[in-house]
Amino acid sequence: MAVLGRHRPPVRQPIPTSPNQVQPPSGPSSAKGGRLTSRAAGGIIAEIAQTAGLDDPTTAHVLRHTLATTLVRGKTDLVLVAEILGHARLETTRRYSLPSDKDKEDALKLITVDR
């Protein structure tokens, strides 16, 4: 995919073996070597979405919401999802993971009913 080739993330550094080797993360960089701005990231996402032929609006927020929903529906622990998203409160994460009607039906099937 040509779009991804032009916007390749930096190579990850090896895992440090002592506390003295730990460096703060620098985040993605721009073509000029500086930090990637929100606007630049949005442009990359829009270009990839257009190349992929997606009709729906695709933004960083939509991707983040999709990630959270996919993790929660895949039965990933909500605390772990909150940590991945950088949320301090589970209530914030909960908004990304509202249950569908099928989720509610599946939950009700777990209830044991004696007849």
C-alpha atoms as a PDB file:
ATOM      1  CA  MET A   1       0.000   0.000   0.000  1.00  0.00           C
ATOM      2  CA  ALA A   2       1.739   3.158  -1.222  1.00  0.00           C
ATOM      3  CA  VAL A   3       0.016   5.419   1.320  1.00  0.00           C
ATOM      4  CA  LEU A   4       1.432   3.515   4.271  1.00  0.00           C
ATOM      5  CA  GLY A   5       4.908   3.493   2.754  1.00  0.00           C
ATOM      6  CA  ARG A   6       5.107   7.288   2.879  1.00  0.00           C
ATOM      7  CA  HIS A   7       3.926   7.503   6.489  1.00  0.00           C
ATOM      8  CA  ARG A   8       5.877   4.706   8.118  1.00  0.00           C
ATOM      9  CA  PRO A   9       6.144   4.948  11.940  1.00  0.00           C
ATOM     10  CA  PRO A  10       9.620   5.154  13.467  1.00  0.00           C
ATOM     11  CA  VAL A  11      11.458   1.903  14.192  1.00  0.00           C
ATOM     12  CA  ARG A  12      10.993   0.757  17.783  1.00  0.00           C
ATOM     13  CA  GLN A  13      14.037   0.830  20.013  1.00  0.00           C
ATOM     14  CA  PRO A  14      15.198  -2.337  21.813  1.00  0.00           C
ATOM     15  CA  ILE A  15      13.770  -2.968  25.280  1.00  0.00           C
ATOM     16  CA  PRO A  16      16.075  -1.337  27.877  1.00  0.00           C
ATOM     17  CA  THR A  17      17.922  -3.697  30.201  1.00  0.00           C
ATOM     18  CA  SER A  18      18.482  -1.160  32.996  1.00  0.00           C
ATOM     19  CA  PRO A  19      16.598   1.878  34.361  1.00  0.00           C
ATOM     20  CA  ASN A  20      19.365   4.171  33.053  1.00  0.00           C
ATOM     21  CA  GLN A  21      18.506   3.187  29.474  1.00  0.00           C
ATOM     22  CA  VAL A  22      14.816   4.165  29.651  1.00  0.00           C
ATOM     23  CA  GLN A  23      13.943   7.066  27.333  1.00  0.00           C
ATOM     24  CA  PRO A  24      10.550   8.814  27.183  1.00  0.00           C
ATOM     25  CA  PRO A  25       8.544   7.919  24.072  1.00  0.00           C
ATOM     26  CA  SER A  26       8.895  10.473  21.302  1.00  0.00           C
ATOM     27  CA  GLY A  27       5.747   9.530  19.385  1.00  0.00           C
ATOM     28  CA  PRO A  28       5.358   9.469  15.615  1.00  0.00           C
ATOM     29  CA  SER A  29       7.456  11.936  13.677  1.00  0.00           C
ATOM     30  CA  SER A  30       6.766  14.043  10.628  1.00  0.00           C
ATOM     31  CA  ALA A  31       8.669  13.941   7.338  1.00  0.00           C
ATOM     32  CA  LYS A  32      10.841  16.773   8.690  1.00  0.00           C
ATOM     33  CA  GLY A  33      11.645  14.788  11.840  1.00  0.00           C
ATOM     34  CA  GLY A  34       9.402  16.789  14.185  1.00  0.00           C
ATOM     35  CA  ARG A  35       6.384  15.620  16.147  1.00  0.00           C
ATOM     36  CA  LEU A  36       3.372  14.532  14.097  1.00  0.00           C
ATOM     37  CA  THR A  37       0.562  17.051  14.574  1.00  0.00           C
ATOM     38  CA  SER A  38      -3.099  16.121  14.988  1.00  0.00           C
ATOM     39  CA  ARG A  39      -3.830  17.739  11.633  1.00  0.00           C
ATOM     40  CA  ALA A  40      -1.096  15.716   9.897  1.00  0.00           C
ATOM     41  CA  ALA A  41      -2.327  12.488  11.508  1.00  0.00           C
ATOM     42  CA  GLY A  42      -5.869  13.311  10.386  1.00  0.00           C
ATOM     43  CA  GLY A  43      -4.629  13.849   6.853  1.00  0.00           C
ATOM     44  CA  ILE A  44      -2.859  10.483   6.862  1.00  0.00           C
ATOM     45  CA  ILE A  45      -5.985   8.733   8.166  1.00  0.00           C
ATOM     46  CA  ALA A  46      -8.192  10.447   5.563  1.00  0.00           C
ATOM     47  CA  GLU A  47      -5.802   9.508   2.753  1.00  0.00           C
ATOM     48  CA  ILE A  48      -5.688   5.860   3.845  1.00  0.00           C
ATOM     49  CA  ALA A  49      -9.505   5.768   4.134  1.00  0.00           C
ATOM     50  CA  GLN A  50      -9.905   7.281   0.674  1.00  0.00           C
ATOM     51  CA  THR A  51      -7.396   4.825  -0.824  1.00  0.00           C
ATOM     52  CA  ALA A  52      -9.269   1.964   0.847  1.00  0.00           C
ATOM     53  CA  GLY A  53     -12.512   3.217  -0.701  1.00  0.00           C
ATOM     54  CA  LEU A  54     -14.271   3.930   2.597  1.00  0.00           C
ATOM     55  CA  ASP A  55     -17.343   6.107   2.208  1.00  0.00           C
ATOM     56  CA  ASP A  56     -17.970   6.855   5.890  1.00  0.00           C
ATOM     57  CA  PRO A  57     -16.038   9.662   7.583  1.00  0.00           C
ATOM     58  CA  THR A  58     -12.864   8.181   9.089  1.00  0.00           C
ATOM     59  CA  THR A  59     -11.152  10.191  11.811  1.00  0.00           C
ATOM     60  CA  ALA A  60      -8.783   9.396  14.661  1.00  0.00           C
ATOM     61  CA  HIS A  61     -11.793   9.517  16.989  1.00  0.00           C
ATOM     62  CA  VAL A  62     -13.705   6.984  14.867  1.00  0.00           C
ATOM     63  CA  LEU A  63     -10.667   4.664  14.830  1.00  0.00           C
ATOM     64  CA  ARG A  64     -10.263   4.997  18.615  1.00  0.00           C
ATOM     65  CA  HIS A  65     -13.958   4.259  19.174  1.00  0.00           C
ATOM     66  CA  THR A  66     -13.756   1.261  16.828  1.00  0.00           C
ATOM     67  CA  LEU A  67     -10.696  -0.059  18.669  1.00  0.00           C
ATOM     68  CA  ALA A  68     -12.413   0.232  22.052  1.00  0.00           C
ATOM     69  CA  THR A  69     -15.632  -1.360  20.801  1.00  0.00           C
ATOM     70  CA  THR A  70     -13.748  -4.215  19.108  1.00  0.00           C
ATOM     71  CA  LEU A  71     -11.764  -4.934  22.280  1.00  0.00           C
ATOM     72  CA  VAL A  72     -14.825  -4.874  24.528  1.00  0.00           C
ATOM     73  CA  ARG A  73     -16.926  -7.032  22.187  1.00  0.00           C
ATOM     74  CA  GLY A  74     -13.962  -9.418  22.008  1.00  0.00           C
ATOM     75  CA  LYS A  75     -14.343  -9.845  25.783  1.00  0.00           C
ATOM     76  CA  THR A  76     -11.213  -7.848  26.693  1.00  0.00           C
ATOM     77  CA  ASP A  77     -11.372  -6.746  30.324  1.00  0.00           C
ATOM     78  CA  LEU A  78     -12.698  -3.175  30.602  1.00  0.00           C
ATOM     79  CA  VAL A  79      -9.845  -2.211  32.940  1.00  0.00           C
ATOM     80  CA  LEU A  80      -7.326  -3.259  30.277  1.00  0.00           C
ATOM     81  CA  VAL A  81      -9.217  -1.346  27.571  1.00  0.00           C
ATOM     82  CA  ALA A  82      -9.181   1.746  29.807  1.00  0.00           C
ATOM     83  CA  GLU A  83      -5.431   1.365  30.247  1.00  0.00           C
ATOM     84  CA  ILE A  84      -4.849   0.981  26.493  1.00  0.00           C
ATOM     85  CA  LEU A  85      -6.903   4.122  25.821  1.00  0.00           C
ATOM     86  CA  GLY A  86      -5.175   6.034  28.617  1.00  0.00           C
ATOM     87  CA  HIS A  87      -8.349   6.584  30.644  1.00  0.00           C
ATOM     88  CA  ALA A  88      -8.085   7.197  34.377  1.00  0.00           C
ATOM     89  CA  ARG A  89     -11.776   6.381  34.956  1.00  0.00           C
ATOM     90  CA  LEU A  90     -13.717   3.325  33.787  1.00  0.00           C
ATOM     91  CA  GLU A  91     -16.762   5.526  33.232  1.00  0.00           C
ATOM     92  CA  THR A  92     -14.884   7.248  30.401  1.00  0.00           C
ATOM     93  CA  THR A  93     -14.128   3.887  28.769  1.00  0.00           C
ATOM     94  CA  ARG A  94     -17.696   2.696  29.248  1.00  0.00           C
ATOM     95  CA  ARG A  95     -18.908   5.376  26.828  1.00  0.00           C
ATOM     96  CA  TYR A  96     -16.872   3.750  24.068  1.00  0.00           C
ATOM     97  CA  SER A  97     -18.410   0.365  24.715  1.00  0.00           C
ATOM     98  CA  LEU A  98     -22.175   0.696  24.810  1.00  0.00           C
ATOM     99  CA  PRO A  99     -23.808  -2.727  24.461  1.00  0.00           C
ATOM    100  CA  SER A 100     -25.746  -3.676  21.352  1.00  0.00           C
ATOM    101  CA  ASP A 101     -29.132  -5.400  21.412  1.00  0.00           C
ATOM    102  CA  LYS A 102     -27.341  -8.695  20.677  1.00  0.00           C
ATOM    103  CA  ASP A 103     -25.043  -8.108  23.681  1.00  0.00           C
ATOM    104  CA  LYS A 104     -28.125  -7.650  25.880  1.00  0.00           C
ATOM    105  CA  GLU A 105     -29.779 -10.802  24.482  1.00  0.00           C
ATOM    106  CA  ASP A 106     -26.601 -12.843  25.062  1.00  0.00           C
ATOM    107  CA  ALA A 107     -26.371 -11.575  28.651  1.00  0.00           C
ATOM    108  CA  LEU A 108     -29.974 -12.563  29.351  1.00  0.00           C
ATOM    109  CA  LYS A 109     -29.277 -16.077  28.048  1.00  0.00           C
ATOM    110  CA  LEU A 110     -26.769 -16.520  30.886  1.00  0.00           C
ATOM    111  CA  ILE A 111     -29.530 -16.299  33.506  1.00  0.00           C
ATOM    112  CA  THR A 112     -30.544 -19.694  34.840  1.00  0.00           C
ATOM    113  CA  VAL A 113     -34.298 -20.153  35.053  1.00  0.00           C
ATOM    114  CA  ASP A 114     -35.697 -23.117  37.021  1.00  0.00           C
ATOM    115  CA  ARG A 115     -38.995 -24.411  35.730  1.00  0.00           C
END
